[in-house]
Amino acid sequence: MTDLPIDDATAECAAVLDAVGEAVIADRSVLETVLTGILARGHVLLEDVPGTGKTLTAKSVASALGLSFTRIQFTPDLLPADVTGSHIFDESAGEFEFRPGPVFANVVLADEINRAPPKTQAALLEAMSEEQVTTDGETRDLPDPFVVVATQNPVESEGTFPLPEAQVDRFAVKTSLGYPEQAAENTLLRRRTRRTEQSPAAEQVLDADRVRALRRVPEDVTVDDDLLSYMTGIAGATRSHDRVCVGVSPRGTQRLLEAARARAVVEGRSYVTPDDVTEIAPPVLAHRLVLTPDATVEDVSKRDVLADVLSSVPVPTVADLGEA
């Protein structure tokens, strides 16, 4: 059992979202998805065109959560050691000592991750799955909590390397900020006229200890057996869909459960509803699908395929567990 009541956790989530919203002009539902991924002890992939606030979002979330933050600019010449760190010879001590790389932080922004070659992308794989890195045969634990927020540009293909499916599967959620509405963009400009700094900063709301406690709260959220069957039914439907080569893996199904429980906490409930599953399924599952060559040629989107899956799986009627 967690030592943090769900009502308190929900209030803290709202405070974090408010703080991030003061720095980032984005739809609150998108920020909720990012926070849900972090609350579910997962990593976040932001795919959008340049200039929409991906970097600012990652930095603002880290600031609001009170976590250490590093940014790694992925480039074609970036080496794995540039991410994980390496041993440097210390002349004064007469021995090699390990110099930690930028991956040793609570929140790591992997900026334009698809611009680095696969070998360097893979340097993050162990970190994302095991929260540790191995260099020169020695394994070192990463800070707790540890979150990777990766960004990629969906438009430019020249000089990019597609993420391997094993790494894509490690992201709990994938979302995009999108272009703001005109009123929101007006607000952006108005805020810019009232400050001298080019980039705004989010106010700190929590600290690392509180974040660790917050991430334990979803473990106490109740999930009805019918909803578990609903989740496995969705996963199974992706595996048999005629537009899909590779459907959602068992890891993906587990991530759906974890994200649904985290969303319930953000919404202020101690139980998961069918709406939690259907709302969080697209950012949790769509990026895990591998479509058929025909679907790819016809420019069918993974989100459209998942929407078709969700419409085909019966939604269970679950009693109001909040009154049980």
C-alpha atoms as a PDB file:
ATOM      1  CA  MET A   1       0.000   0.000   0.000  1.00  0.00           C
ATOM      2  CA  THR A   2       1.153   3.509  -0.691  1.00  0.00           C
ATOM      3  CA  ASP A   3       1.473   6.157   1.975  1.00  0.00           C
ATOM      4  CA  LEU A   4      -0.058   8.802  -0.319  1.00  0.00           C
ATOM      5  CA  PRO A   5      -3.869   8.948  -0.551  1.00  0.00           C
ATOM      6  CA  ILE A   6      -5.283   9.071  -4.068  1.00  0.00           C
ATOM      7  CA  ASP A   7      -7.031  12.409  -3.408  1.00  0.00           C
ATOM      8  CA  ASP A   8      -3.691  13.947  -2.472  1.00  0.00           C
ATOM      9  CA  ALA A   9      -2.000  12.362  -5.471  1.00  0.00           C
ATOM     10  CA  THR A  10      -4.662  13.756  -7.798  1.00  0.00           C
ATOM     11  CA  ALA A  11      -4.251  17.232  -6.315  1.00  0.00           C
ATOM     12  CA  GLU A  12      -0.493  17.060  -6.792  1.00  0.00           C
ATOM     13  CA  CYS A  13      -0.922  15.917 -10.391  1.00  0.00           C
ATOM     14  CA  ALA A  14      -3.220  18.898 -11.013  1.00  0.00           C
ATOM     15  CA  ALA A  15      -0.673  21.257  -9.462  1.00  0.00           C
ATOM     16  CA  VAL A  16       2.072  19.855 -11.710  1.00  0.00           C
ATOM     17  CA  LEU A  17      -0.127  20.242 -14.788  1.00  0.00           C
ATOM     18  CA  ASP A  18      -0.974  23.816 -13.794  1.00  0.00           C
ATOM     19  CA  ALA A  19       2.724  24.644 -13.380  1.00  0.00           C
ATOM     20  CA  VAL A  20       3.658  23.115 -16.732  1.00  0.00           C
ATOM     21  CA  GLY A  21       0.698  24.840 -18.379  1.00  0.00           C
ATOM     22  CA  GLU A  22       2.042  28.217 -17.223  1.00  0.00           C
ATOM     23  CA  ALA A  23       5.214  27.562 -19.231  1.00  0.00           C
ATOM     24  CA  VAL A  24       3.955  25.518 -22.176  1.00  0.00           C
ATOM     25  CA  ILE A  25       1.116  26.419 -24.515  1.00  0.00           C
ATOM     26  CA  ALA A  26      -0.405  22.999 -25.190  1.00  0.00           C
ATOM     27  CA  ASP A  27      -3.688  21.188 -24.838  1.00  0.00           C
ATOM     28  CA  ARG A  28      -4.043  20.026 -21.243  1.00  0.00           C
ATOM     29  CA  SER A  29      -5.020  16.545 -22.399  1.00  0.00           C
ATOM     30  CA  VAL A  30      -1.603  16.188 -24.062  1.00  0.00           C
ATOM     31  CA  LEU A  31       0.159  17.260 -20.867  1.00  0.00           C
ATOM     32  CA  GLU A  32      -2.002  14.781 -18.962  1.00  0.00           C
ATOM     33  CA  THR A  33      -0.859  12.029 -21.320  1.00  0.00           C
ATOM     34  CA  VAL A  34       2.793  12.927 -20.697  1.00  0.00           C
ATOM     35  CA  LEU A  35       2.249  12.962 -16.942  1.00  0.00           C
ATOM     36  CA  THR A  36       0.314   9.688 -17.121  1.00  0.00           C
ATOM     37  CA  GLY A  37       3.260   8.035 -18.862  1.00  0.00           C
ATOM     38  CA  ILE A  38       5.622   9.235 -16.146  1.00  0.00           C
ATOM     39  CA  LEU A  39       3.197   8.254 -13.380  1.00  0.00           C
ATOM     40  CA  ALA A  40       3.016   4.777 -14.919  1.00  0.00           C
ATOM     41  CA  ARG A  41       6.810   4.520 -14.513  1.00  0.00           C
ATOM     42  CA  GLY A  42       7.306   4.733 -18.257  1.00  0.00           C
ATOM     43  CA  HIS A  43       9.029   6.816 -20.895  1.00  0.00           C
ATOM     44  CA  VAL A  44       7.535   9.326 -23.311  1.00  0.00           C
ATOM     45  CA  LEU A  45       7.994   9.809 -27.057  1.00  0.00           C
ATOM     46  CA  LEU A  46       7.004  13.193 -28.486  1.00  0.00           C
ATOM     47  CA  GLU A  47       6.706  13.292 -32.266  1.00  0.00           C
ATOM     48  CA  ASP A  48       6.001  16.651 -33.823  1.00  0.00           C
ATOM     49  CA  VAL A  49       7.317  19.288 -36.183  1.00  0.00           C
ATOM     50  CA  PRO A  50      10.009  21.687 -34.899  1.00  0.00           C
ATOM     51  CA  GLY A  51       8.949  24.667 -32.822  1.00  0.00           C
ATOM     52  CA  THR A  52       5.868  23.201 -31.166  1.00  0.00           C
ATOM     53  CA  GLY A  53       7.381  23.061 -27.681  1.00  0.00           C
ATOM     54  CA  LYS A  54       8.647  19.487 -27.299  1.00  0.00           C
ATOM     55  CA  THR A  55      11.890  20.486 -25.590  1.00  0.00           C
ATOM     56  CA  LEU A  56      10.181  23.078 -23.410  1.00  0.00           C
ATOM     57  CA  THR A  57       7.588  20.508 -22.356  1.00  0.00           C
ATOM     58  CA  ALA A  58      10.226  18.035 -21.200  1.00  0.00           C
ATOM     59  CA  LYS A  59      12.180  20.705 -19.350  1.00  0.00           C
ATOM     60  CA  SER A  60       9.046  22.160 -17.740  1.00  0.00           C
ATOM     61  CA  VAL A  61       7.837  18.754 -16.546  1.00  0.00           C
ATOM     62  CA  ALA A  62      11.232  18.092 -14.957  1.00  0.00           C
ATOM     63  CA  SER A  63      11.173  21.501 -13.269  1.00  0.00           C
ATOM     64  CA  ALA A  64       7.636  21.063 -11.929  1.00  0.00           C
ATOM     65  CA  LEU A  65       8.486  17.619 -10.581  1.00  0.00           C
ATOM     66  CA  GLY A  66      11.678  18.927  -8.984  1.00  0.00           C
ATOM     67  CA  LEU A  67      13.877  16.444 -10.856  1.00  0.00           C
ATOM     68  CA  SER A  68      17.345  16.777 -12.359  1.00  0.00           C
ATOM     69  CA  PHE A  69      17.334  17.310 -16.115  1.00  0.00           C
ATOM     70  CA  THR A  70      19.775  16.771 -18.961  1.00  0.00           C
ATOM     71  CA  ARG A  71      19.411  17.203 -22.694  1.00  0.00           C
ATOM     72  CA  ILE A  72      21.200  15.028 -25.233  1.00  0.00           C
ATOM     73  CA  GLN A  73      21.176  16.335 -28.791  1.00  0.00           C
ATOM     74  CA  PHE A  74      21.228  13.224 -30.952  1.00  0.00           C
ATOM     75  CA  THR A  75      23.328  13.612 -34.113  1.00  0.00           C
ATOM     76  CA  PRO A  76      24.769  11.174 -36.675  1.00  0.00           C
ATOM     77  CA  ASP A  77      28.218  11.347 -35.040  1.00  0.00           C
ATOM     78  CA  LEU A  78      27.014  10.841 -31.447  1.00  0.00           C
ATOM     79  CA  LEU A  79      28.734   7.853 -29.817  1.00  0.00           C
ATOM     80  CA  PRO A  80      27.280   5.517 -27.169  1.00  0.00           C
ATOM     81  CA  ALA A  81      29.896   6.735 -24.677  1.00  0.00           C
ATOM     82  CA  ASP A  82      28.623  10.284 -25.238  1.00  0.00           C
ATOM     83  CA  VAL A  83      25.356   9.087 -23.708  1.00  0.00           C
ATOM     84  CA  THR A  84      26.405   6.635 -20.999  1.00  0.00           C
ATOM     85  CA  GLY A  85      29.798   8.055 -20.012  1.00  0.00           C
ATOM     86  CA  SER A  86      33.278   6.590 -20.178  1.00  0.00           C
ATOM     87  CA  HIS A  87      36.463   5.951 -18.223  1.00  0.00           C
ATOM     88  CA  ILE A  88      38.980   8.789 -18.226  1.00  0.00           C
ATOM     89  CA  PHE A  89      42.567   8.477 -17.044  1.00  0.00           C
ATOM     90  CA  ASP A  90      43.200  10.638 -13.975  1.00  0.00           C
ATOM     91  CA  GLU A  91      46.888  11.555 -14.071  1.00  0.00           C
ATOM     92  CA  SER A  92      46.934  12.788 -10.476  1.00  0.00           C
ATOM     93  CA  ALA A  93      45.543   9.502  -9.164  1.00  0.00           C
ATOM     94  CA  GLY A  94      47.301   7.378 -11.757  1.00  0.00           C
ATOM     95  CA  GLU A  95      44.147   5.411 -12.585  1.00  0.00           C
ATOM     96  CA  PHE A  96      41.060   5.426 -14.746  1.00  0.00           C
ATOM     97  CA  GLU A  97      37.894   6.878 -13.288  1.00  0.00           C
ATOM     98  CA  PHE A  98      34.374   6.773 -14.609  1.00  0.00           C
ATOM     99  CA  ARG A  99      32.862  10.027 -15.820  1.00  0.00           C
ATOM    100  CA  PRO A 100      29.068   9.673 -15.930  1.00  0.00           C
ATOM    101  CA  GLY A 101      27.368  10.693 -19.142  1.00  0.00           C
ATOM    102  CA  PRO A 102      24.232  12.834 -19.442  1.00  0.00           C
ATOM    103  CA  VAL A 103      22.019   9.748 -19.064  1.00  0.00           C
ATOM    104  CA  PHE A 104      22.652   9.966 -15.303  1.00  0.00           C
ATOM    105  CA  ALA A 105      19.749  12.286 -14.540  1.00  0.00           C
ATOM    106  CA  ASN A 106      16.138  11.908 -13.445  1.00  0.00           C
ATOM    107  CA  VAL A 107      14.690  13.262 -16.695  1.00  0.00           C
ATOM    108  CA  VAL A 108      16.729  12.785 -19.858  1.00  0.00           C
ATOM    109  CA  LEU A 109      15.636  14.590 -22.998  1.00  0.00           C
ATOM    110  CA  ALA A 110      16.765  12.583 -26.031  1.00  0.00           C
ATOM    111  CA  ASP A 111      16.306  15.345 -28.572  1.00  0.00           C
ATOM    112  CA  GLU A 112      15.762  14.193 -32.167  1.00  0.00           C
ATOM    113  CA  ILE A 113      16.557  10.631 -31.165  1.00  0.00           C
ATOM    114  CA  ASN A 114      16.085   9.356 -34.715  1.00  0.00           C
ATOM    115  CA  ARG A 115      19.069  11.392 -35.962  1.00  0.00           C
ATOM    116  CA  ALA A 116      21.571   9.121 -34.195  1.00  0.00           C
ATOM    117  CA  PRO A 117      22.649   5.758 -35.663  1.00  0.00           C
ATOM    118  CA  PRO A 118      21.128   2.557 -34.243  1.00  0.00           C
ATOM    119  CA  LYS A 119      24.199   1.757 -32.127  1.00  0.00           C
ATOM    120  CA  THR A 120      23.837   5.021 -30.231  1.00  0.00           C
ATOM    121  CA  GLN A 121      20.053   4.692 -30.006  1.00  0.00           C
ATOM    122  CA  ALA A 122      20.657   1.278 -28.447  1.00  0.00           C
ATOM    123  CA  ALA A 123      22.752   2.890 -25.715  1.00  0.00           C
ATOM    124  CA  LEU A 124      19.453   4.051 -24.247  1.00  0.00           C
ATOM    125  CA  LEU A 125      17.766   0.656 -24.515  1.00  0.00           C
ATOM    126  CA  GLU A 126      19.297  -0.861 -21.377  1.00  0.00           C
ATOM    127  CA  ALA A 127      18.750   2.406 -19.516  1.00  0.00           C
ATOM    128  CA  MET A 128      15.074   2.524 -20.474  1.00  0.00           C
ATOM    129  CA  SER A 129      14.315  -1.116 -19.727  1.00  0.00           C
ATOM    130  CA  GLU A 130      16.537  -1.798 -16.694  1.00  0.00           C
ATOM    131  CA  GLU A 131      17.246   1.706 -15.318  1.00  0.00           C
ATOM    132  CA  GLN A 132      20.940   0.927 -15.450  1.00  0.00           C
ATOM    133  CA  VAL A 133      23.849   1.202 -17.892  1.00  0.00           C
ATOM    134  CA  THR A 134      26.797  -1.106 -18.467  1.00  0.00           C
ATOM    135  CA  THR A 135      30.140   0.347 -19.540  1.00  0.00           C
ATOM    136  CA  ASP A 136      33.374  -1.627 -19.807  1.00  0.00           C
ATOM    137  CA  GLY A 137      31.694  -4.591 -18.149  1.00  0.00           C
ATOM    138  CA  GLU A 138      30.559  -2.641 -15.090  1.00  0.00           C
ATOM    139  CA  THR A 139      26.871  -1.984 -14.402  1.00  0.00           C
ATOM    140  CA  ARG A 140      25.729   1.228 -12.726  1.00  0.00           C
ATOM    141  CA  ASP A 141      22.266   2.126 -11.502  1.00  0.00           C
ATOM    142  CA  LEU A 142      20.591   5.254 -12.814  1.00  0.00           C
ATOM    143  CA  PRO A 143      18.857   7.800 -10.564  1.00  0.00           C
ATOM    144  CA  ASP A 144      15.395   6.999  -9.245  1.00  0.00           C
ATOM    145  CA  PRO A 145      13.084   8.133 -10.754  1.00  0.00           C
ATOM    146  CA  PHE A 146      14.454   7.814 -14.273  1.00  0.00           C
ATOM    147  CA  VAL A 147      12.451   9.014 -17.276  1.00  0.00           C
ATOM    148  CA  VAL A 148      13.437   9.380 -20.919  1.00  0.00           C
ATOM    149  CA  VAL A 149      11.504  11.951 -22.915  1.00  0.00           C
ATOM    150  CA  ALA A 150      12.510  11.480 -26.549  1.00  0.00           C
ATOM    151  CA  THR A 151      11.570  13.705 -29.462  1.00  0.00           C
ATOM    152  CA  GLN A 152      11.574  13.095 -33.175  1.00  0.00           C
ATOM    153  CA  ASN A 153      10.561  15.049 -36.259  1.00  0.00           C
ATOM    154  CA  PRO A 154       8.023  13.175 -38.419  1.00  0.00           C
ATOM    155  CA  VAL A 155       8.600  15.345 -41.487  1.00  0.00           C
ATOM    156  CA  GLU A 156      12.306  15.176 -42.331  1.00  0.00           C
ATOM    157  CA  SER A 157      13.544  11.718 -43.350  1.00  0.00           C
ATOM    158  CA  GLU A 158      16.969  12.674 -44.694  1.00  0.00           C
ATOM    159  CA  GLY A 159      19.712  11.849 -42.206  1.00  0.00           C
ATOM    160  CA  THR A 160      17.408   9.980 -39.842  1.00  0.00           C
ATOM    161  CA  PHE A 161      17.418   6.385 -38.615  1.00  0.00           C
ATOM    162  CA  PRO A 162      14.069   4.776 -37.754  1.00  0.00           C
ATOM    163  CA  LEU A 163      13.867   3.600 -34.150  1.00  0.00           C
ATOM    164  CA  PRO A 164      14.054  -0.190 -33.831  1.00  0.00           C
ATOM    165  CA  GLU A 165      10.781  -1.808 -32.779  1.00  0.00           C
ATOM    166  CA  ALA A 166      12.353  -3.073 -29.541  1.00  0.00           C
ATOM    167  CA  GLN A 167      13.106   0.492 -28.522  1.00  0.00           C
ATOM    168  CA  VAL A 168       9.767   1.914 -29.660  1.00  0.00           C
ATOM    169  CA  ASP A 169       8.115  -0.719 -27.479  1.00  0.00           C
ATOM    170  CA  ARG A 170       9.910   0.708 -24.425  1.00  0.00           C
ATOM    171  CA  PHE A 171       7.994   3.993 -24.609  1.00  0.00           C
ATOM    172  CA  ALA A 172       4.909   3.894 -22.411  1.00  0.00           C
ATOM    173  CA  VAL A 173       3.190   6.611 -24.438  1.00  0.00           C
ATOM    174  CA  LYS A 174       3.684   8.422 -27.715  1.00  0.00           C
ATOM    175  CA  THR A 175       1.942  11.722 -28.340  1.00  0.00           C
ATOM    176  CA  SER A 176       2.295  15.061 -30.098  1.00  0.00           C
ATOM    177  CA  LEU A 177       1.659  18.643 -29.064  1.00  0.00           C
ATOM    178  CA  GLY A 178       0.258  19.826 -32.378  1.00  0.00           C
ATOM    179  CA  TYR A 179      -0.192  23.421 -33.468  1.00  0.00           C
ATOM    180  CA  PRO A 180      -1.959  25.645 -30.930  1.00  0.00           C
ATOM    181  CA  GLU A 181      -5.273  27.306 -31.628  1.00  0.00           C
ATOM    182  CA  GLN A 182      -5.025  31.011 -32.541  1.00  0.00           C
ATOM    183  CA  ALA A 183      -6.220  32.101 -29.091  1.00  0.00           C
ATOM    184  CA  ALA A 184      -3.569  29.937 -27.455  1.00  0.00           C
ATOM    185  CA  GLU A 185      -0.891  31.283 -29.775  1.00  0.00           C
ATOM    186  CA  ASN A 186      -1.996  34.817 -28.901  1.00  0.00           C
ATOM    187  CA  THR A 187      -1.478  33.891 -25.251  1.00  0.00           C
ATOM    188  CA  LEU A 188       1.998  32.630 -26.135  1.00  0.00           C
ATOM    189  CA  LEU A 189       2.929  35.954 -27.688  1.00  0.00           C
ATOM    190  CA  ARG A 190       1.364  37.916 -24.830  1.00  0.00           C
ATOM    191  CA  ARG A 191       3.408  35.956 -22.293  1.00  0.00           C
ATOM    192  CA  ARG A 192       6.555  36.588 -24.317  1.00  0.00           C
ATOM    193  CA  THR A 193       6.044  40.365 -24.123  1.00  0.00           C
ATOM    194  CA  ARG A 194       5.903  40.205 -20.321  1.00  0.00           C
ATOM    195  CA  ARG A 195       9.256  38.531 -19.719  1.00  0.00           C
ATOM    196  CA  THR A 196      12.857  39.093 -20.715  1.00  0.00           C
ATOM    197  CA  GLU A 197      13.898  35.412 -20.868  1.00  0.00           C
ATOM    198  CA  GLN A 198      13.435  33.686 -24.209  1.00  0.00           C
ATOM    199  CA  SER A 199      12.255  30.443 -22.578  1.00  0.00           C
ATOM    200  CA  PRO A 200       9.782  30.403 -19.673  1.00  0.00           C
ATOM    201  CA  ALA A 201      10.370  28.220 -16.613  1.00  0.00           C
ATOM    202  CA  ALA A 202       7.882  26.078 -14.733  1.00  0.00           C
ATOM    203  CA  GLU A 203       7.580  26.472 -10.982  1.00  0.00           C
ATOM    204  CA  GLN A 204       8.739  23.530  -8.867  1.00  0.00           C
ATOM    205  CA  VAL A 205       5.825  21.689  -7.255  1.00  0.00           C
ATOM    206  CA  LEU A 206       7.280  18.375  -6.051  1.00  0.00           C
ATOM    207  CA  ASP A 207      10.643  16.796  -5.338  1.00  0.00           C
ATOM    208  CA  ALA A 208      12.199  13.409  -6.109  1.00  0.00           C
ATOM    209  CA  ASP A 209      10.906  11.759  -2.914  1.00  0.00           C
ATOM    210  CA  ARG A 210       7.384  12.964  -3.612  1.00  0.00           C
ATOM    211  CA  VAL A 211       7.549  11.782  -7.209  1.00  0.00           C
ATOM    212  CA  ARG A 212       8.596   8.325  -6.050  1.00  0.00           C
ATOM    213  CA  ALA A 213       5.615   8.248  -3.679  1.00  0.00           C
ATOM    214  CA  LEU A 214       3.321   9.508  -6.438  1.00  0.00           C
ATOM    215  CA  ARG A 215       4.403   6.723  -8.789  1.00  0.00           C
ATOM    216  CA  ARG A 216       3.451   4.098  -6.214  1.00  0.00           C
ATOM    217  CA  VAL A 217      -0.148   5.297  -5.983  1.00  0.00           C
ATOM    218  CA  PRO A 218      -1.448   3.581  -9.180  1.00  0.00           C
ATOM    219  CA  GLU A 219      -0.524   0.213  -7.659  1.00  0.00           C
ATOM    220  CA  ASP A 220      -3.515   0.625  -5.304  1.00  0.00           C
ATOM    221  CA  VAL A 221      -6.013   1.348  -8.079  1.00  0.00           C
ATOM    222  CA  THR A 222      -8.688  -1.345  -8.516  1.00  0.00           C
ATOM    223  CA  VAL A 223      -9.164  -2.974 -11.934  1.00  0.00           C
ATOM    224  CA  ASP A 224     -12.228  -5.143 -12.568  1.00  0.00           C
ATOM    225  CA  ASP A 225     -11.642  -8.549 -14.199  1.00  0.00           C
ATOM    226  CA  ASP A 226     -13.917  -7.545 -17.087  1.00  0.00           C
ATOM    227  CA  LEU A 227     -11.607  -4.622 -17.788  1.00  0.00           C
ATOM    228  CA  LEU A 228      -8.570  -6.899 -17.782  1.00  0.00           C
ATOM    229  CA  SER A 229     -10.330  -9.026 -20.383  1.00  0.00           C
ATOM    230  CA  TYR A 230     -11.160  -5.864 -22.319  1.00  0.00           C
ATOM    231  CA  MET A 231      -7.473  -4.910 -22.432  1.00  0.00           C
ATOM    232  CA  THR A 232      -6.338  -8.360 -23.580  1.00  0.00           C
ATOM    233  CA  GLY A 233      -9.173  -8.359 -26.107  1.00  0.00           C
ATOM    234  CA  ILE A 234      -7.880  -5.108 -27.605  1.00  0.00           C
ATOM    235  CA  ALA A 235      -4.344  -6.487 -27.756  1.00  0.00           C
ATOM    236  CA  GLY A 236      -5.566  -9.692 -29.368  1.00  0.00           C
ATOM    237  CA  ALA A 237      -7.581  -7.786 -31.959  1.00  0.00           C
ATOM    238  CA  THR A 238      -4.462  -5.883 -33.066  1.00  0.00           C
ATOM    239  CA  ARG A 239      -2.690  -9.195 -33.679  1.00  0.00           C
ATOM    240  CA  SER A 240      -5.400 -10.471 -36.026  1.00  0.00           C
ATOM    241  CA  HIS A 241      -6.164  -7.203 -37.847  1.00  0.00           C
ATOM    242  CA  ASP A 242      -5.661  -7.459 -41.612  1.00  0.00           C
ATOM    243  CA  ARG A 243      -3.679  -4.207 -41.701  1.00  0.00           C
ATOM    244  CA  VAL A 244      -1.216  -5.273 -38.999  1.00  0.00           C
ATOM    245  CA  CYS A 245       1.939  -7.385 -39.356  1.00  0.00           C
ATOM    246  CA  VAL A 246       2.933  -7.257 -35.698  1.00  0.00           C
ATOM    247  CA  GLY A 247       0.359  -6.474 -33.050  1.00  0.00           C
ATOM    248  CA  VAL A 248       0.635  -5.348 -29.457  1.00  0.00           C
ATOM    249  CA  SER A 249       3.045  -7.444 -27.394  1.00  0.00           C
ATOM    250  CA  PRO A 250       2.317  -8.691 -23.863  1.00  0.00           C
ATOM    251  CA  ARG A 251       4.577  -5.863 -22.679  1.00  0.00           C
ATOM    252  CA  GLY A 252       2.275  -3.436 -24.445  1.00  0.00           C
ATOM    253  CA  THR A 253      -0.755  -4.931 -22.724  1.00  0.00           C
ATOM    254  CA  GLN A 254       0.926  -4.464 -19.353  1.00  0.00           C
ATOM    255  CA  ARG A 255       1.723  -0.859 -20.238  1.00  0.00           C
ATOM    256  CA  LEU A 256      -1.941  -0.333 -21.077  1.00  0.00           C
ATOM    257  CA  LEU A 257      -2.907  -1.593 -17.629  1.00  0.00           C
ATOM    258  CA  GLU A 258      -0.316   0.590 -15.905  1.00  0.00           C
ATOM    259  CA  ALA A 259      -1.292   3.674 -17.901  1.00  0.00           C
ATOM    260  CA  ALA A 260      -5.013   3.105 -17.291  1.00  0.00           C
ATOM    261  CA  ARG A 261      -4.396   2.941 -13.552  1.00  0.00           C
ATOM    262  CA  ALA A 262      -2.241   6.070 -13.715  1.00  0.00           C
ATOM    263  CA  ARG A 263      -4.977   7.896 -15.654  1.00  0.00           C
ATOM    264  CA  ALA A 264      -7.479   6.946 -12.964  1.00  0.00           C
ATOM    265  CA  VAL A 265      -5.241   8.645 -10.386  1.00  0.00           C
ATOM    266  CA  VAL A 266      -4.964  11.784 -12.546  1.00  0.00           C
ATOM    267  CA  GLU A 267      -8.770  11.764 -12.825  1.00  0.00           C
ATOM    268  CA  GLY A 268      -9.188  11.336  -9.051  1.00  0.00           C
ATOM    269  CA  ARG A 269     -10.475   7.783  -8.890  1.00  0.00           C
ATOM    270  CA  SER A 270      -9.371   4.643  -7.041  1.00  0.00           C
ATOM    271  CA  TYR A 271     -10.687   2.385  -9.809  1.00  0.00           C
ATOM    272  CA  VAL A 272     -10.300   2.078 -13.571  1.00  0.00           C
ATOM    273  CA  THR A 273     -13.244   2.665 -15.906  1.00  0.00           C
ATOM    274  CA  PRO A 274     -13.690   1.601 -19.552  1.00  0.00           C
ATOM    275  CA  ASP A 275     -13.165   5.254 -20.516  1.00  0.00           C
ATOM    276  CA  ASP A 276      -9.701   5.163 -18.925  1.00  0.00           C
ATOM    277  CA  VAL A 277      -8.774   2.278 -21.203  1.00  0.00           C
ATOM    278  CA  THR A 278     -10.234   3.708 -24.411  1.00  0.00           C
ATOM    279  CA  GLU A 279      -8.800   7.205 -23.812  1.00  0.00           C
ATOM    280  CA  ILE A 280      -5.265   6.068 -23.008  1.00  0.00           C
ATOM    281  CA  ALA A 281      -5.114   3.190 -25.530  1.00  0.00           C
ATOM    282  CA  PRO A 282      -4.116   5.286 -28.594  1.00  0.00           C
ATOM    283  CA  PRO A 283      -0.993   6.897 -27.070  1.00  0.00           C
ATOM    284  CA  VAL A 284      -0.042   3.608 -25.369  1.00  0.00           C
ATOM    285  CA  LEU A 285      -0.673   1.122 -28.177  1.00  0.00           C
ATOM    286  CA  ALA A 286      -0.674   2.783 -31.615  1.00  0.00           C
ATOM    287  CA  HIS A 287       3.097   3.244 -31.867  1.00  0.00           C
ATOM    288  CA  ARG A 288       3.650  -0.445 -31.073  1.00  0.00           C
ATOM    289  CA  LEU A 289       1.878  -1.637 -34.227  1.00  0.00           C
ATOM    290  CA  VAL A 290       3.778  -2.703 -37.333  1.00  0.00           C
ATOM    291  CA  LEU A 291       1.507  -2.266 -40.328  1.00  0.00           C
ATOM    292  CA  THR A 292       1.457  -4.386 -43.467  1.00  0.00           C
ATOM    293  CA  PRO A 293       3.343  -3.139 -46.537  1.00  0.00           C
ATOM    294  CA  ASP A 294       0.023  -2.476 -48.292  1.00  0.00           C
ATOM    295  CA  ALA A 295      -1.210  -0.353 -45.382  1.00  0.00           C
ATOM    296  CA  THR A 296       2.065   1.570 -45.396  1.00  0.00           C
ATOM    297  CA  VAL A 297       1.874   2.218 -49.133  1.00  0.00           C
ATOM    298  CA  GLU A 298      -1.706   3.393 -48.768  1.00  0.00           C
ATOM    299  CA  ASP A 299      -0.594   5.749 -45.988  1.00  0.00           C
ATOM    300  CA  VAL A 300      -2.895   4.186 -43.413  1.00  0.00           C
ATOM    301  CA  SER A 301      -2.144   5.588 -39.960  1.00  0.00           C
ATOM    302  CA  LYS A 302      -1.567   3.421 -36.924  1.00  0.00           C
ATOM    303  CA  ARG A 303      -4.042   5.532 -34.978  1.00  0.00           C
ATOM    304  CA  ASP A 304      -6.748   4.809 -37.559  1.00  0.00           C
ATOM    305  CA  VAL A 305      -6.053   1.090 -37.313  1.00  0.00           C
ATOM    306  CA  LEU A 306      -6.266   1.216 -33.530  1.00  0.00           C
ATOM    307  CA  ALA A 307      -9.502   3.192 -33.731  1.00  0.00           C
ATOM    308  CA  ASP A 308     -10.888   0.398 -35.920  1.00  0.00           C
ATOM    309  CA  VAL A 309      -9.758  -2.147 -33.324  1.00  0.00           C
ATOM    310  CA  LEU A 310     -11.366  -0.234 -30.458  1.00  0.00           C
ATOM    311  CA  SER A 311     -14.643  -0.008 -32.341  1.00  0.00           C
ATOM    312  CA  SER A 312     -14.632  -3.781 -32.900  1.00  0.00           C
ATOM    313  CA  VAL A 313     -14.028  -4.864 -29.294  1.00  0.00           C
ATOM    314  CA  PRO A 314     -17.125  -4.787 -27.050  1.00  0.00           C
ATOM    315  CA  VAL A 315     -16.793  -2.342 -24.157  1.00  0.00           C
ATOM    316  CA  PRO A 316     -17.673  -3.970 -20.836  1.00  0.00           C
ATOM    317  CA  THR A 317     -20.242  -2.532 -18.485  1.00  0.00           C
ATOM    318  CA  VAL A 318     -18.493  -2.186 -15.150  1.00  0.00           C
ATOM    319  CA  ALA A 319     -20.276  -1.403 -11.883  1.00  0.00           C
ATOM    320  CA  ASP A 320     -19.304   1.844 -10.194  1.00  0.00           C
ATOM    321  CA  LEU A 321     -16.492   0.551  -8.011  1.00  0.00           C
ATOM    322  CA  GLY A 322     -16.267   3.940  -6.347  1.00  0.00           C
ATOM    323  CA  GLU A 323     -19.543   3.175  -4.556  1.00  0.00           C
ATOM    324  CA  ALA A 324     -18.683  -0.423  -3.735  1.00  0.00           C
END
